Amino acid sequence: MEKLSNSSVMEKEAAKEAGLEILRKLGWPLDSGFADMDPRFWDFTTGHLFGQVWARPGLSLRDRAMITLAVLLAVDADRGSMNHLRYAHNVGITEEEVRELIIQVGFYAGWPKGAHAMARFSAILAEPGNGYNNKTTDLGENKKETK
């Protein structure tokens, strides 16, 4: 096994700290169970995925969250999409934008995937304190008012 140099260890730690900062900005819990399940997997997730890929320049955190959410919904990644759906509002993605994203993805990736995604998102919206303002959930806006 190759021993890491001091600079490699420092780079690895800096990437992990950058990854933890990204997770904080996303509003995700820092103890998602990965650390207990497999500490090496957690280190790789925080250091490489979030600390290097998500921290790259060129796209905003909001843009990365939208792109990631679209891909996860397109492949019907049930568990993988839940945190992205649940915490998208922390980077400024509105409930209406999530709904539109689901419709767009459903059309191109398959309507059953879109329906499954909308069901997951609706379950999140039903959670108390979900973080979305829920002002757009009145889908009856085109109904005539009865007196």
C-alpha atoms as a PDB file:
ATOM      1  CA  MET A   1       0.000   0.000   0.000  1.00  0.00           C
ATOM      2  CA  GLU A   2       1.323   3.396  -1.016  1.00  0.00           C
ATOM      3  CA  LYS A   3       1.875   5.889   1.768  1.00  0.00           C
ATOM      4  CA  LEU A   4       0.488   9.381   1.171  1.00  0.00           C
ATOM      5  CA  SER A   5       2.816  12.366   1.358  1.00  0.00           C
ATOM      6  CA  ASN A   6       2.091  15.154   3.817  1.00  0.00           C
ATOM      7  CA  SER A   7       0.862  17.394   0.978  1.00  0.00           C
ATOM      8  CA  SER A   8      -1.464  14.633  -0.278  1.00  0.00           C
ATOM      9  CA  VAL A   9      -2.903  14.199   3.203  1.00  0.00           C
ATOM     10  CA  MET A  10      -3.393  17.971   3.469  1.00  0.00           C
ATOM     11  CA  GLU A  11      -5.083  18.081   0.020  1.00  0.00           C
ATOM     12  CA  LYS A  12      -7.344  15.214   1.022  1.00  0.00           C
ATOM     13  CA  GLU A  13      -8.305  16.956   4.281  1.00  0.00           C
ATOM     14  CA  ALA A  14      -8.911  20.267   2.452  1.00  0.00           C
ATOM     15  CA  ALA A  15     -11.171  18.493  -0.053  1.00  0.00           C
ATOM     16  CA  LYS A  16     -13.076  16.803   2.774  1.00  0.00           C
ATOM     17  CA  GLU A  17     -13.579  20.135   4.559  1.00  0.00           C
ATOM     18  CA  ALA A  18     -14.720  21.727   1.277  1.00  0.00           C
ATOM     19  CA  GLY A  19     -17.167  18.845   0.843  1.00  0.00           C
ATOM     20  CA  LEU A  20     -18.552  19.306   4.330  1.00  0.00           C
ATOM     21  CA  GLU A  21     -19.001  23.017   3.600  1.00  0.00           C
ATOM     22  CA  ILE A  22     -20.935  22.185   0.407  1.00  0.00           C
ATOM     23  CA  LEU A  23     -23.173  19.820   2.391  1.00  0.00           C
ATOM     24  CA  ARG A  24     -23.771  22.588   4.953  1.00  0.00           C
ATOM     25  CA  LYS A  25     -24.725  25.020   2.169  1.00  0.00           C
ATOM     26  CA  LEU A  26     -27.093  22.408   0.750  1.00  0.00           C
ATOM     27  CA  GLY A  27     -28.598  22.127   4.221  1.00  0.00           C
ATOM     28  CA  TRP A  28     -28.042  18.393   4.403  1.00  0.00           C
ATOM     29  CA  PRO A  29     -27.508  16.594   7.690  1.00  0.00           C
ATOM     30  CA  LEU A  30     -23.817  15.862   8.102  1.00  0.00           C
ATOM     31  CA  ASP A  31     -24.588  12.496   9.632  1.00  0.00           C
ATOM     32  CA  SER A  32     -26.534  10.799   6.876  1.00  0.00           C
ATOM     33  CA  GLY A  33     -25.608   7.299   8.013  1.00  0.00           C
ATOM     34  CA  PHE A  34     -22.746   6.864   5.553  1.00  0.00           C
ATOM     35  CA  ALA A  35     -20.122   7.538   8.192  1.00  0.00           C
ATOM     36  CA  ASP A  36     -21.441   4.724  10.383  1.00  0.00           C
ATOM     37  CA  MET A  37     -22.050   2.408   7.456  1.00  0.00           C
ATOM     38  CA  ASP A  38     -18.559   2.753   6.008  1.00  0.00           C
ATOM     39  CA  PRO A  39     -16.187   5.579   7.040  1.00  0.00           C
ATOM     40  CA  ARG A  40     -14.138   5.222   3.836  1.00  0.00           C
ATOM     41  CA  PHE A  41     -17.271   5.604   1.712  1.00  0.00           C
ATOM     42  CA  TRP A  42     -18.190   8.716   3.713  1.00  0.00           C
ATOM     43  CA  ASP A  43     -14.677  10.148   3.270  1.00  0.00           C
ATOM     44  CA  PHE A  44     -14.846   9.533  -0.480  1.00  0.00           C
ATOM     45  CA  THR A  45     -18.324  11.060  -0.692  1.00  0.00           C
ATOM     46  CA  THR A  46     -17.393  14.200   1.237  1.00  0.00           C
ATOM     47  CA  GLY A  47     -13.861  14.606  -0.109  1.00  0.00           C
ATOM     48  CA  HIS A  48     -14.239  13.661  -3.736  1.00  0.00           C
ATOM     49  CA  LEU A  49     -17.893  13.984  -4.739  1.00  0.00           C
ATOM     50  CA  PHE A  50     -18.755  17.122  -2.768  1.00  0.00           C
ATOM     51  CA  GLY A  51     -15.269  18.497  -2.066  1.00  0.00           C
ATOM     52  CA  GLN A  52     -13.943  18.242  -5.596  1.00  0.00           C
ATOM     53  CA  VAL A  53     -16.816  17.743  -8.058  1.00  0.00           C
ATOM     54  CA  TRP A  54     -19.501  19.914  -6.429  1.00  0.00           C
ATOM     55  CA  ALA A  55     -16.934  22.564  -5.428  1.00  0.00           C
ATOM     56  CA  ARG A  56     -15.669  23.087  -8.972  1.00  0.00           C
ATOM     57  CA  PRO A  57     -16.019  26.554 -10.506  1.00  0.00           C
ATOM     58  CA  GLY A  58     -18.206  27.056 -13.554  1.00  0.00           C
ATOM     59  CA  LEU A  59     -21.642  26.243 -12.161  1.00  0.00           C
ATOM     60  CA  SER A  60     -23.434  27.618  -9.168  1.00  0.00           C
ATOM     61  CA  LEU A  61     -24.420  25.312  -6.351  1.00  0.00           C
ATOM     62  CA  ARG A  62     -28.041  25.878  -7.375  1.00  0.00           C
ATOM     63  CA  ASP A  63     -27.292  24.841 -10.969  1.00  0.00           C
ATOM     64  CA  ARG A  64     -25.467  21.713  -9.814  1.00  0.00           C
ATOM     65  CA  ALA A  65     -28.402  20.838  -7.558  1.00  0.00           C
ATOM     66  CA  MET A  66     -30.893  21.216 -10.452  1.00  0.00           C
ATOM     67  CA  ILE A  67     -28.760  19.147 -12.825  1.00  0.00           C
ATOM     68  CA  THR A  68     -28.157  16.443 -10.240  1.00  0.00           C
ATOM     69  CA  LEU A  69     -31.816  16.284  -9.330  1.00  0.00           C
ATOM     70  CA  ALA A  70     -32.814  15.982 -12.999  1.00  0.00           C
ATOM     71  CA  VAL A  71     -30.370  13.124 -13.568  1.00  0.00           C
ATOM     72  CA  LEU A  72     -31.406  11.265 -10.411  1.00  0.00           C
ATOM     73  CA  LEU A  73     -35.078  11.564 -11.332  1.00  0.00           C
ATOM     74  CA  ALA A  74     -34.383  10.472 -14.921  1.00  0.00           C
ATOM     75  CA  VAL A  75     -32.773   7.248 -13.726  1.00  0.00           C
ATOM     76  CA  ASP A  76     -35.484   6.841 -11.051  1.00  0.00           C
ATOM     77  CA  ALA A  77     -32.935   6.839  -8.228  1.00  0.00           C
ATOM     78  CA  ASP A  78     -35.445   6.639  -5.409  1.00  0.00           C
ATOM     79  CA  ARG A  79     -33.102   6.878  -2.426  1.00  0.00           C
ATOM     80  CA  GLY A  80     -30.561   9.055  -4.197  1.00  0.00           C
ATOM     81  CA  SER A  81     -33.105  11.693  -5.097  1.00  0.00           C
ATOM     82  CA  MET A  82     -34.751  12.097  -1.684  1.00  0.00           C
ATOM     83  CA  ASN A  83     -32.160  14.430  -0.117  1.00  0.00           C
ATOM     84  CA  HIS A  84     -31.935  16.382  -3.352  1.00  0.00           C
ATOM     85  CA  LEU A  85     -35.726  16.829  -3.403  1.00  0.00           C
ATOM     86  CA  ARG A  86     -35.955  17.496   0.320  1.00  0.00           C
ATOM     87  CA  TYR A  87     -33.249  20.182   0.499  1.00  0.00           C
ATOM     88  CA  ALA A  88     -33.376  21.863  -2.940  1.00  0.00           C
ATOM     89  CA  HIS A  89     -35.031  24.917  -1.370  1.00  0.00           C
ATOM     90  CA  ASN A  90     -31.820  25.576   0.589  1.00  0.00           C
ATOM     91  CA  VAL A  91     -30.102  26.700  -2.616  1.00  0.00           C
ATOM     92  CA  GLY A  92     -33.058  28.745  -3.865  1.00  0.00           C
ATOM     93  CA  ILE A  93     -34.937  26.130  -5.901  1.00  0.00           C
ATOM     94  CA  THR A  94     -38.641  26.756  -5.487  1.00  0.00           C
ATOM     95  CA  GLU A  95     -41.439  24.241  -5.184  1.00  0.00           C
ATOM     96  CA  GLU A  96     -42.759  25.340  -8.570  1.00  0.00           C
ATOM     97  CA  GLU A  97     -39.334  24.817 -10.166  1.00  0.00           C
ATOM     98  CA  VAL A  98     -39.134  21.291  -8.742  1.00  0.00           C
ATOM     99  CA  ARG A  99     -42.597  20.538 -10.127  1.00  0.00           C
ATOM    100  CA  GLU A 100     -41.588  21.854 -13.565  1.00  0.00           C
ATOM    101  CA  LEU A 101     -38.334  19.905 -13.453  1.00  0.00           C
ATOM    102  CA  ILE A 102     -40.280  16.720 -12.686  1.00  0.00           C
ATOM    103  CA  ILE A 103     -42.651  17.344 -15.619  1.00  0.00           C
ATOM    104  CA  GLN A 104     -39.722  18.015 -17.970  1.00  0.00           C
ATOM    105  CA  VAL A 105     -37.829  14.920 -16.830  1.00  0.00           C
ATOM    106  CA  GLY A 106     -40.981  12.808 -16.954  1.00  0.00           C
ATOM    107  CA  PHE A 107     -41.595  13.725 -20.562  1.00  0.00           C
ATOM    108  CA  TYR A 108     -38.084  12.794 -21.698  1.00  0.00           C
ATOM    109  CA  ALA A 109     -37.243   9.942 -19.297  1.00  0.00           C
ATOM    110  CA  GLY A 110     -40.682   8.346 -19.136  1.00  0.00           C
ATOM    111  CA  TRP A 111     -43.963   9.399 -17.602  1.00  0.00           C
ATOM    112  CA  PRO A 112     -43.939   6.661 -14.919  1.00  0.00           C
ATOM    113  CA  LYS A 113     -40.609   8.030 -13.668  1.00  0.00           C
ATOM    114  CA  GLY A 114     -42.130  11.506 -13.542  1.00  0.00           C
ATOM    115  CA  ALA A 115     -45.172  10.218 -11.670  1.00  0.00           C
ATOM    116  CA  HIS A 116     -42.942   8.383  -9.200  1.00  0.00           C
ATOM    117  CA  ALA A 117     -40.863  11.541  -8.677  1.00  0.00           C
ATOM    118  CA  MET A 118     -43.975  13.677  -8.164  1.00  0.00           C
ATOM    119  CA  ALA A 119     -45.244  11.180  -5.576  1.00  0.00           C
ATOM    120  CA  ARG A 120     -41.924  11.380  -3.701  1.00  0.00           C
ATOM    121  CA  PHE A 121     -41.946  15.167  -3.833  1.00  0.00           C
ATOM    122  CA  SER A 122     -45.570  15.325  -2.661  1.00  0.00           C
ATOM    123  CA  ALA A 123     -44.645  13.143   0.325  1.00  0.00           C
ATOM    124  CA  ILE A 124     -41.834  15.566   1.189  1.00  0.00           C
ATOM    125  CA  LEU A 125     -44.219  18.526   0.895  1.00  0.00           C
ATOM    126  CA  ALA A 126     -46.544  16.797   3.356  1.00  0.00           C
ATOM    127  CA  GLU A 127     -43.778  16.695   5.980  1.00  0.00           C
ATOM    128  CA  PRO A 128     -44.115  19.385   8.655  1.00  0.00           C
ATOM    129  CA  GLY A 129     -41.475  22.094   8.307  1.00  0.00           C
ATOM    130  CA  ASN A 130     -40.451  20.890   4.842  1.00  0.00           C
ATOM    131  CA  GLY A 131     -38.825  24.242   3.992  1.00  0.00           C
ATOM    132  CA  TYR A 132     -40.909  24.968   0.913  1.00  0.00           C
ATOM    133  CA  ASN A 133     -43.422  27.761   1.250  1.00  0.00           C
ATOM    134  CA  ASN A 134     -46.189  25.520  -0.161  1.00  0.00           C
ATOM    135  CA  LYS A 135     -47.952  28.561  -1.601  1.00  0.00           C
ATOM    136  CA  THR A 136     -47.936  26.967  -5.040  1.00  0.00           C
ATOM    137  CA  THR A 137     -49.504  23.706  -3.916  1.00  0.00           C
ATOM    138  CA  ASP A 138     -52.999  25.073  -4.594  1.00  0.00           C
ATOM    139  CA  LEU A 139     -53.257  23.514  -8.016  1.00  0.00           C
ATOM    140  CA  GLY A 140     -56.870  24.624  -8.269  1.00  0.00           C
ATOM    141  CA  GLU A 141     -55.854  28.157  -9.234  1.00  0.00           C
ATOM    142  CA  ASN A 142     -57.792  27.873 -12.509  1.00  0.00           C
ATOM    143  CA  LYS A 143     -61.002  26.759 -10.792  1.00  0.00           C
ATOM    144  CA  LYS A 144     -63.876  29.170 -10.699  1.00  0.00           C
ATOM    145  CA  GLU A 145     -64.798  30.348  -7.270  1.00  0.00           C
ATOM    146  CA  THR A 146     -68.252  29.227  -6.203  1.00  0.00           C
ATOM    147  CA  LYS A 147     -70.421  31.488  -4.119  1.00  0.00           C
END
